[in-house]
Amino acid sequence: MRRALIPLLALACGLTVANLYYSQPLLDLIAGAFGVSQGAATVVVTLTQIGYALGLLLLLPLGDLIENRRLTTRLLLCTALALLLAALSPAYPLFLALSVLIGVTSVVAQILVPFAAHLAPPSSRGAIVGKVMGGLLLGILLARTVSSFVGGLWGWRAIYFISAALMLALAVALRRLLPQRPPSHTAGYFSLLRTVWDLARSEPALRRRALSQGLLFGAFTAYWTAIAYELIGEHGFTQSQIAIFALVGAGGAAAAPIAGKLADRGHGALASGGALALAALMAVLAAAGHRSVILLGVAGVLLDFAVQSHQVMSQHEIYALRADARARINTVFMTTVFTGGALSSALTGLLHHRYGWTGACVLAAMFAFAGFTVWAAARWRASTRPREVAIAECPR
């Protein structure tokens, strides 16, 4: 791992994953542009995340089959084309279809994270993955701010043009600077997909981490999908003010390096439970304190902190399971995570339409509490088994 590669990988992860979140604060503008309801506009978020889940399931395993630098640059070119067509889209159904394609091709970040784990020495793998994840998380958290500012200045289509140009620039930079990483799997694509299912069946730690993070990401998605409607309707915010509010979420990116160091020192189990409990409490705070922008902001930053901490600690554990199958392990993990996000965004649209902000917050709290239950059940099972089995299965 050359030190200069770490910021490049972090930047690439942040810029590519941001494509999934640009639409969230622009839903009101998108609804107006295409003449659809707020509930119909929320479908953009759902379909983008469904597309991402499909990309994770069908394309991410290729990281163990195709040379990673070539795979990454080709996917970036496809993403750039999808973004450009979305920016030019004249009709809402076409825009929705292109949103799915944007999601499918934006899996580059999840190819690069296990790539960083592959390059890193075992003694500092958590810290290095945490730094790369810090860039990815900043992309998630700052995407809403950037798209709000750009949407307020030049309209919602502008962010898609800008991101298309950035994807092209990233493709050139990564083609020149990434080292080649020949994959270890040579049996073929469909054989590779079968081994993904085998990994999910044979690794209980992977199933547990994927399910709990998927539920936690559902809480995250419920909050950030509905917050723009709440700020506009309840507090009279403009797009620029929403952009400033979204900046509070960037504080959650500080969780990544902290969580990586905690995991390296063996404290990942207890810290994971704390993150899940914190997320549930912040969802309740967001519902109770909805009349205060300050309380909404506190809830948002701590919710983000919890989600990102748990993800880094989860990846630290699952990447240690099978060094030869990290892309496929990440396929199981991230497909589950974004399936949870897609389910949450669909339910958020329905509940917000009927029950408003409170309905979205109750959904977020339920998702987070369910994730905490998964963690607590695993701890309880480990504590009731013989010591040798408990040590092997206990969350790390």
Protein backbone atom coordinates (compact mmCIF):
# COMPACT_ATOMS: atom_id res chain seq x y z
CA MET A 1 0.00 0.00 0.00
CA ARG A 2 1.66 3.21 -1.18
CA ARG A 3 0.68 6.06 1.12
CA ALA A 4 -0.36 8.29 -1.80
CA LEU A 5 -2.97 5.72 -2.86
CA ILE A 6 -5.02 6.12 0.32
CA PRO A 7 -6.37 9.64 -0.44
CA LEU A 8 -6.95 8.67 -4.09
CA LEU A 9 -8.98 5.62 -3.08
CA ALA A 10 -10.89 7.67 -0.50
CA LEU A 11 -11.69 10.37 -3.10
CA ALA A 12 -12.79 7.82 -5.68
CA CYS A 13 -15.05 6.06 -3.19
CA GLY A 14 -16.61 9.35 -2.07
CA LEU A 15 -17.30 10.68 -5.56
CA THR A 16 -18.80 7.46 -6.89
CA VAL A 17 -21.05 6.65 -3.93
CA ALA A 18 -22.31 10.26 -3.89
CA ASN A 19 -24.27 9.45 -7.06
CA LEU A 20 -26.73 7.48 -4.92
CA TYR A 21 -27.60 10.47 -2.73
CA TYR A 22 -27.68 13.53 -5.00
CA SER A 23 -31.42 13.14 -5.57
CA GLN A 24 -32.50 13.08 -1.88
CA PRO A 25 -32.58 16.87 -1.22
CA LEU A 26 -33.77 17.58 -4.77
CA LEU A 27 -36.97 15.53 -4.64
CA ASP A 28 -39.14 18.64 -4.39
CA LEU A 29 -37.47 20.15 -7.49
CA ILE A 30 -37.66 16.85 -9.38
CA ALA A 31 -41.36 16.48 -8.53
CA GLY A 32 -42.04 19.99 -9.84
CA ALA A 33 -40.00 19.51 -13.00
CA PHE A 34 -41.78 16.33 -14.04
CA GLY A 35 -45.19 17.23 -12.59
CA VAL A 36 -45.39 14.29 -10.15
CA SER A 37 -46.31 14.07 -6.46
CA GLN A 38 -43.81 14.02 -3.59
CA GLY A 39 -44.55 10.34 -3.03
CA ALA A 40 -43.84 9.57 -6.67
CA ALA A 41 -40.60 11.56 -6.53
CA THR A 42 -39.41 9.43 -3.59
CA VAL A 43 -39.36 6.48 -6.00
CA VAL A 44 -36.15 7.97 -7.45
CA VAL A 45 -34.32 7.17 -4.21
CA THR A 46 -35.82 3.68 -4.01
CA LEU A 47 -34.96 2.75 -7.61
CA THR A 48 -31.41 4.11 -7.34
CA GLN A 49 -30.81 1.95 -4.28
CA ILE A 50 -32.43 -1.08 -5.92
CA GLY A 51 -30.10 -0.54 -8.86
CA TYR A 52 -27.14 -0.34 -6.51
CA ALA A 53 -28.20 -3.57 -4.78
CA LEU A 54 -28.44 -5.27 -8.19
CA GLY A 55 -25.00 -3.96 -9.12
CA LEU A 56 -23.58 -5.24 -5.85
CA LEU A 57 -25.12 -8.66 -6.43
CA LEU A 58 -24.25 -9.04 -10.12
CA LEU A 59 -21.18 -6.84 -10.72
CA LEU A 60 -19.28 -6.64 -7.43
CA PRO A 61 -18.28 -10.36 -7.46
CA LEU A 62 -16.36 -9.58 -10.67
CA GLY A 63 -13.75 -7.99 -8.37
CA ASP A 64 -12.59 -11.55 -7.66
CA LEU A 65 -12.65 -12.50 -11.36
CA ILE A 66 -11.55 -9.48 -13.46
CA GLU A 67 -8.42 -7.40 -12.96
CA ASN A 68 -9.57 -4.63 -10.61
CA ARG A 69 -8.10 -1.58 -12.36
CA ARG A 70 -9.70 -2.49 -15.69
CA LEU A 71 -13.04 -3.31 -14.08
CA THR A 72 -13.08 -0.04 -12.14
CA THR A 73 -12.34 2.24 -15.07
CA ARG A 74 -14.91 0.58 -17.34
CA LEU A 75 -17.64 0.88 -14.73
CA LEU A 76 -16.80 4.55 -14.26
CA LEU A 77 -17.26 5.19 -17.98
CA CYS A 78 -20.68 3.51 -17.83
CA THR A 79 -21.65 5.62 -14.82
CA ALA A 80 -20.63 8.80 -16.63
CA LEU A 81 -22.84 7.90 -19.59
CA ALA A 82 -25.83 7.09 -17.36
CA LEU A 83 -25.46 10.40 -15.49
CA LEU A 84 -25.25 12.37 -18.72
CA LEU A 85 -28.40 10.74 -20.09
CA ALA A 86 -30.22 11.34 -16.79
CA ALA A 87 -29.33 15.03 -16.96
CA LEU A 88 -30.81 15.21 -20.44
CA SER A 89 -33.88 13.08 -19.68
CA PRO A 90 -37.12 14.68 -20.98
CA ALA A 91 -39.57 12.27 -19.30
CA TYR A 92 -39.97 10.92 -15.78
CA PRO A 93 -40.14 7.18 -16.69
CA LEU A 94 -36.86 7.51 -18.61
CA PHE A 95 -35.28 9.35 -15.68
CA LEU A 96 -36.36 6.55 -13.33
CA ALA A 97 -34.86 3.90 -15.62
CA LEU A 98 -31.59 5.82 -15.78
CA SER A 99 -31.61 6.18 -11.98
CA VAL A 100 -31.57 2.37 -11.78
CA LEU A 101 -28.61 2.29 -14.19
CA ILE A 102 -26.75 4.92 -12.17
CA GLY A 103 -27.20 2.74 -9.10
CA VAL A 104 -26.09 -0.44 -10.91
CA THR A 105 -22.84 1.09 -12.18
CA SER A 106 -21.90 3.04 -9.04
CA VAL A 107 -20.51 -0.05 -7.29
CA VAL A 108 -16.94 1.12 -7.91
CA ALA A 109 -16.63 2.26 -4.30
CA GLN A 110 -17.36 -1.25 -3.06
CA ILE A 111 -14.71 -2.70 -5.39
CA LEU A 112 -12.11 -0.24 -4.08
CA VAL A 113 -12.75 -0.80 -0.35
CA PRO A 114 -11.81 -4.52 -0.41
CA PHE A 115 -8.99 -3.57 -2.82
CA ALA A 116 -7.61 -1.33 -0.07
CA ALA A 117 -7.99 -4.18 2.45
CA HIS A 118 -6.06 -6.43 0.06
CA LEU A 119 -3.18 -3.96 -0.21
CA ALA A 120 -3.02 -3.12 3.51
CA PRO A 121 -0.86 -5.04 6.01
CA PRO A 122 -2.94 -7.00 8.55
CA SER A 123 -1.70 -4.96 11.53
CA SER A 124 -3.12 -1.71 10.14
CA ARG A 125 -5.90 -3.00 7.91
CA GLY A 126 -8.65 -1.52 10.10
CA ALA A 127 -7.04 1.93 10.15
CA ILE A 128 -6.45 1.99 6.37
CA VAL A 129 -9.92 0.70 5.52
CA GLY A 130 -11.25 3.29 7.98
CA LYS A 131 -9.46 6.08 6.10
CA VAL A 132 -10.78 4.91 2.73
CA MET A 133 -14.23 4.50 4.25
CA GLY A 134 -13.90 8.04 5.62
CA GLY A 135 -13.77 9.28 2.03
CA LEU A 136 -16.71 7.12 1.07
CA LEU A 137 -18.73 8.36 4.01
CA LEU A 138 -17.90 11.99 3.27
CA GLY A 139 -19.22 11.36 -0.21
CA ILE A 140 -22.47 10.03 1.24
CA LEU A 141 -22.82 12.85 3.75
CA LEU A 142 -21.69 15.78 1.58
CA ALA A 143 -23.61 14.65 -1.52
CA ARG A 144 -26.82 16.15 -0.17
CA THR A 145 -25.15 19.47 0.62
CA VAL A 146 -23.47 19.76 -2.75
CA SER A 147 -26.57 18.78 -4.72
CA SER A 148 -28.71 21.23 -2.73
CA PHE A 149 -26.36 24.14 -3.47
CA VAL A 150 -26.01 23.20 -7.12
CA GLY A 151 -29.77 22.66 -7.45
CA GLY A 152 -30.46 26.04 -5.90
CA LEU A 153 -28.04 27.78 -8.27
CA TRP A 154 -28.50 25.99 -11.61
CA GLY A 155 -31.39 23.54 -11.22
CA TRP A 156 -31.47 19.86 -10.32
CA ARG A 157 -30.06 18.64 -13.66
CA ALA A 158 -26.73 20.43 -13.14
CA ILE A 159 -25.44 17.99 -10.51
CA TYR A 160 -25.82 15.11 -12.96
CA PHE A 161 -23.75 16.94 -15.60
CA ILE A 162 -21.06 17.74 -13.02
CA SER A 163 -20.90 14.20 -11.69
CA ALA A 164 -20.62 12.77 -15.21
CA ALA A 165 -17.50 14.90 -15.76
CA LEU A 166 -16.06 13.80 -12.42
CA MET A 167 -16.55 10.12 -13.29
CA LEU A 168 -14.58 10.61 -16.51
CA ALA A 169 -11.76 12.33 -14.61
CA LEU A 170 -11.69 9.53 -12.03
CA ALA A 171 -11.50 6.88 -14.76
CA VAL A 172 -8.36 8.54 -16.16
CA ALA A 173 -6.72 9.01 -12.74
CA LEU A 174 -7.36 5.46 -11.54
CA ARG A 175 -6.22 3.98 -14.86
CA ARG A 176 -2.88 5.72 -14.43
CA LEU A 177 -2.26 5.33 -10.70
CA LEU A 178 -3.88 2.11 -9.47
CA PRO A 179 -1.65 -0.96 -9.33
CA GLN A 180 -2.85 -4.05 -11.13
CA ARG A 181 -4.49 -6.70 -8.94
CA PRO A 182 -4.88 -10.06 -10.69
CA PRO A 183 -7.87 -11.92 -9.21
CA SER A 184 -7.55 -15.35 -7.59
CA HIS A 185 -10.80 -16.85 -8.90
CA THR A 186 -10.67 -18.38 -12.39
CA ALA A 187 -13.64 -20.77 -12.60
CA GLY A 188 -16.05 -18.41 -14.39
CA TYR A 189 -18.79 -15.90 -13.65
CA PHE A 190 -21.69 -18.23 -12.81
CA SER A 191 -19.45 -20.36 -10.62
CA LEU A 192 -18.44 -17.13 -8.89
CA LEU A 193 -22.09 -16.23 -8.22
CA ARG A 194 -22.69 -19.68 -6.71
CA THR A 195 -19.82 -19.15 -4.30
CA VAL A 196 -21.44 -15.89 -3.14
CA TRP A 197 -24.41 -17.91 -1.92
CA ASP A 198 -22.05 -20.48 -0.38
CA LEU A 199 -20.29 -17.74 1.56
CA ALA A 200 -23.59 -16.41 2.90
CA ARG A 201 -24.56 -19.90 4.07
CA SER A 202 -21.22 -20.85 5.61
CA GLU A 203 -20.25 -17.64 7.44
CA PRO A 204 -22.62 -16.77 10.34
CA ALA A 205 -20.59 -13.66 11.20
CA LEU A 206 -21.13 -12.36 7.67
CA ARG A 207 -24.89 -12.96 7.87
CA ARG A 208 -25.12 -11.25 11.26
CA ARG A 209 -23.07 -8.24 10.26
CA ALA A 210 -24.90 -7.84 6.95
CA LEU A 211 -28.36 -8.03 8.52
CA SER A 212 -27.62 -5.62 11.37
CA GLN A 213 -25.97 -3.09 9.04
CA GLY A 214 -28.84 -3.40 6.55
CA LEU A 215 -31.32 -2.57 9.31
CA LEU A 216 -29.17 0.31 10.53
CA PHE A 217 -28.88 1.68 7.01
CA GLY A 218 -32.66 1.50 6.79
CA ALA A 219 -32.84 3.88 9.76
CA PHE A 220 -30.33 6.19 8.06
CA THR A 221 -32.31 6.16 4.80
CA ALA A 222 -35.63 6.89 6.50
CA TYR A 223 -34.22 9.99 8.20
CA TRP A 224 -32.44 11.47 5.19
CA THR A 225 -35.19 10.66 2.67
CA ALA A 226 -37.85 12.52 4.68
CA ILE A 227 -35.80 15.35 6.22
CA ALA A 228 -35.97 17.65 3.17
CA TYR A 229 -39.77 17.53 3.20
CA GLU A 230 -39.77 18.26 6.94
CA LEU A 231 -37.40 21.21 6.64
CA ILE A 232 -39.36 22.72 3.74
CA GLY A 233 -42.84 22.10 5.15
CA GLU A 234 -42.29 22.66 8.88
CA HIS A 235 -39.44 25.18 8.91
CA GLY A 236 -39.74 26.92 5.52
CA PHE A 237 -36.21 26.08 4.36
CA THR A 238 -34.90 26.93 0.90
CA GLN A 239 -32.61 24.59 -1.08
CA SER A 240 -29.54 26.54 0.11
CA GLN A 241 -30.65 26.24 3.74
CA ILE A 242 -31.21 22.51 3.29
CA ALA A 243 -27.66 22.30 1.93
CA ILE A 244 -26.29 23.97 5.05
CA PHE A 245 -28.33 21.66 7.28
CA ALA A 246 -27.02 18.61 5.41
CA LEU A 247 -23.48 19.63 6.37
CA VAL A 248 -24.15 18.48 9.94
CA GLY A 249 -24.15 14.92 8.67
CA ALA A 250 -20.55 15.29 7.54
CA GLY A 251 -19.53 15.11 11.19
CA GLY A 252 -20.47 11.44 11.06
CA ALA A 253 -17.50 10.75 8.77
CA ALA A 254 -15.22 11.22 11.78
CA ALA A 255 -16.54 7.86 12.97
CA ALA A 256 -14.66 5.88 10.30
CA PRO A 257 -11.05 6.21 11.50
CA ILE A 258 -12.15 6.03 15.16
CA ALA A 259 -14.13 2.85 14.51
CA GLY A 260 -11.22 1.36 12.55
CA LYS A 261 -8.83 1.87 15.46
CA LEU A 262 -11.33 0.44 17.95
CA ALA A 263 -11.70 -2.63 15.77
CA ASP A 264 -7.91 -3.04 15.46
CA ARG A 265 -7.71 -3.03 19.28
CA GLY A 266 -10.41 -5.67 19.71
CA HIS A 267 -13.26 -3.43 20.93
CA GLY A 268 -15.52 -3.87 17.89
CA ALA A 269 -18.19 -6.00 19.60
CA LEU A 270 -19.24 -3.65 22.39
CA ALA A 271 -18.82 -0.58 20.22
CA SER A 272 -21.12 -2.12 17.59
CA GLY A 273 -23.87 -2.60 20.16
CA GLY A 274 -23.42 0.97 21.32
CA ALA A 275 -23.73 2.26 17.75
CA LEU A 276 -26.99 0.36 17.20
CA ALA A 277 -28.47 1.63 20.47
CA LEU A 278 -27.38 5.20 19.67
CA ALA A 279 -29.12 5.09 16.28
CA ALA A 280 -32.42 4.00 17.84
CA LEU A 281 -32.22 6.78 20.43
CA MET A 282 -31.47 9.41 17.77
CA ALA A 283 -34.51 8.37 15.74
CA VAL A 284 -36.66 8.93 18.82
CA LEU A 285 -34.98 12.30 19.44
CA ALA A 286 -35.66 13.35 15.83
CA ALA A 287 -39.36 12.60 16.28
CA ALA A 288 -39.68 14.29 19.68
CA GLY A 289 -37.62 17.35 18.75
CA HIS A 290 -38.99 17.98 15.27
CA ARG A 291 -39.91 21.59 16.07
CA SER A 292 -36.24 22.41 16.77
CA VAL A 293 -33.79 22.53 13.89
CA ILE A 294 -30.95 22.14 16.40
CA LEU A 295 -32.36 18.88 17.77
CA LEU A 296 -32.94 17.61 14.26
CA GLY A 297 -29.32 18.40 13.45
CA VAL A 298 -27.99 16.68 16.60
CA ALA A 299 -30.06 13.61 15.81
CA GLY A 300 -28.79 13.59 12.21
CA VAL A 301 -25.08 13.83 13.02
CA LEU A 302 -25.22 11.20 15.78
CA LEU A 303 -27.31 8.87 13.63
CA ASP A 304 -24.71 9.19 10.87
CA PHE A 305 -21.91 8.63 13.40
CA ALA A 306 -23.58 5.42 14.59
CA VAL A 307 -24.22 4.06 11.09
CA GLN A 308 -20.69 4.72 9.83
CA SER A 309 -19.04 3.37 12.99
CA HIS A 310 -20.96 0.13 12.76
CA GLN A 311 -20.16 -0.28 9.07
CA VAL A 312 -16.39 0.12 9.53
CA MET A 313 -16.35 -2.32 12.46
CA SER A 314 -18.45 -4.77 10.46
CA GLN A 315 -16.10 -4.61 7.48
CA HIS A 316 -13.08 -5.07 9.73
CA GLU A 317 -14.58 -8.37 10.92
CA ILE A 318 -15.88 -9.75 7.64
CA TYR A 319 -12.74 -8.94 5.60
CA ALA A 320 -10.77 -11.16 7.98
CA LEU A 321 -12.98 -14.17 7.20
CA ARG A 322 -11.65 -15.05 3.72
CA ALA A 323 -8.75 -13.10 2.25
CA ASP A 324 -9.28 -14.75 -1.16
CA ALA A 325 -12.96 -13.76 -1.40
CA ARG A 326 -13.22 -10.19 -0.13
CA ALA A 327 -15.14 -8.91 -3.16
CA ARG A 328 -17.72 -11.69 -2.79
CA ILE A 329 -17.92 -11.15 0.98
CA ASN A 330 -18.52 -7.48 0.27
CA THR A 331 -21.21 -8.53 -2.23
CA VAL A 332 -23.20 -10.33 0.47
CA PHE A 333 -22.67 -7.51 2.95
CA MET A 334 -23.42 -4.49 0.79
CA THR A 335 -26.27 -6.12 -1.17
CA THR A 336 -27.99 -6.75 2.14
CA VAL A 337 -27.25 -3.19 3.30
CA PHE A 338 -28.73 -1.51 0.24
CA THR A 339 -31.67 -3.88 0.11
CA GLY A 340 -32.46 -2.59 3.59
CA GLY A 341 -32.05 0.97 2.32
CA ALA A 342 -34.31 0.40 -0.69
CA LEU A 343 -37.00 -1.19 1.50
CA SER A 344 -36.74 1.70 3.94
CA SER A 345 -37.01 4.40 1.28
CA ALA A 346 -40.11 2.74 -0.19
CA LEU A 347 -41.75 2.50 3.24
CA THR A 348 -40.67 6.05 4.10
CA GLY A 349 -42.52 7.41 1.08
CA LEU A 350 -45.71 5.65 2.14
CA LEU A 351 -45.48 6.48 5.86
CA HIS A 352 -44.45 10.10 5.33
CA HIS A 353 -47.39 10.63 2.98
CA ARG A 354 -49.79 9.29 5.62
CA TYR A 355 -48.20 10.15 8.97
CA GLY A 356 -45.67 12.85 8.17
CA TRP A 357 -42.27 13.19 9.85
CA THR A 358 -43.32 11.15 12.88
CA GLY A 359 -44.06 8.14 10.68
CA ALA A 360 -40.58 8.32 9.12
CA CYS A 361 -38.91 8.58 12.53
CA VAL A 362 -40.87 5.65 13.96
CA LEU A 363 -39.75 3.59 10.98
CA ALA A 364 -36.12 4.62 11.57
CA ALA A 365 -36.35 3.69 15.26
CA MET A 366 -37.85 0.30 14.43
CA PHE A 367 -35.10 -0.49 11.94
CA ALA A 368 -32.34 0.51 14.38
CA PHE A 369 -33.88 -1.40 17.28
CA ALA A 370 -34.22 -4.51 15.11
CA GLY A 371 -30.50 -4.23 14.32
CA PHE A 372 -29.71 -3.96 18.04
CA THR A 373 -31.79 -7.10 18.64
CA VAL A 374 -29.71 -9.02 16.07
CA TRP A 375 -26.52 -7.93 17.86
CA ALA A 376 -27.89 -8.76 21.33
CA ALA A 377 -29.10 -12.19 20.20
CA ALA A 378 -25.65 -13.05 18.83
CA ARG A 379 -24.00 -11.98 22.10
CA TRP A 380 -26.46 -14.05 24.10
CA ARG A 381 -25.97 -17.16 21.96
CA ALA A 382 -22.21 -16.86 22.27
CA SER A 383 -22.40 -16.50 26.06
CA THR A 384 -24.48 -19.68 26.46
CA ARG A 385 -22.23 -21.95 24.41
CA PRO A 386 -19.03 -23.76 25.40
CA ARG A 387 -16.07 -21.43 25.76
CA GLU A 388 -14.26 -22.59 22.60
CA VAL A 389 -17.36 -22.12 20.42
CA ALA A 390 -18.23 -18.81 22.09
CA ILE A 391 -14.78 -17.39 21.37
CA ALA A 392 -15.11 -18.40 17.70
CA GLU A 393 -18.62 -16.97 17.24
CA CYS A 394 -18.62 -13.94 19.53
CA PRO A 395 -18.89 -10.62 17.60
CA ARG A 396 -15.47 -9.09 17.34
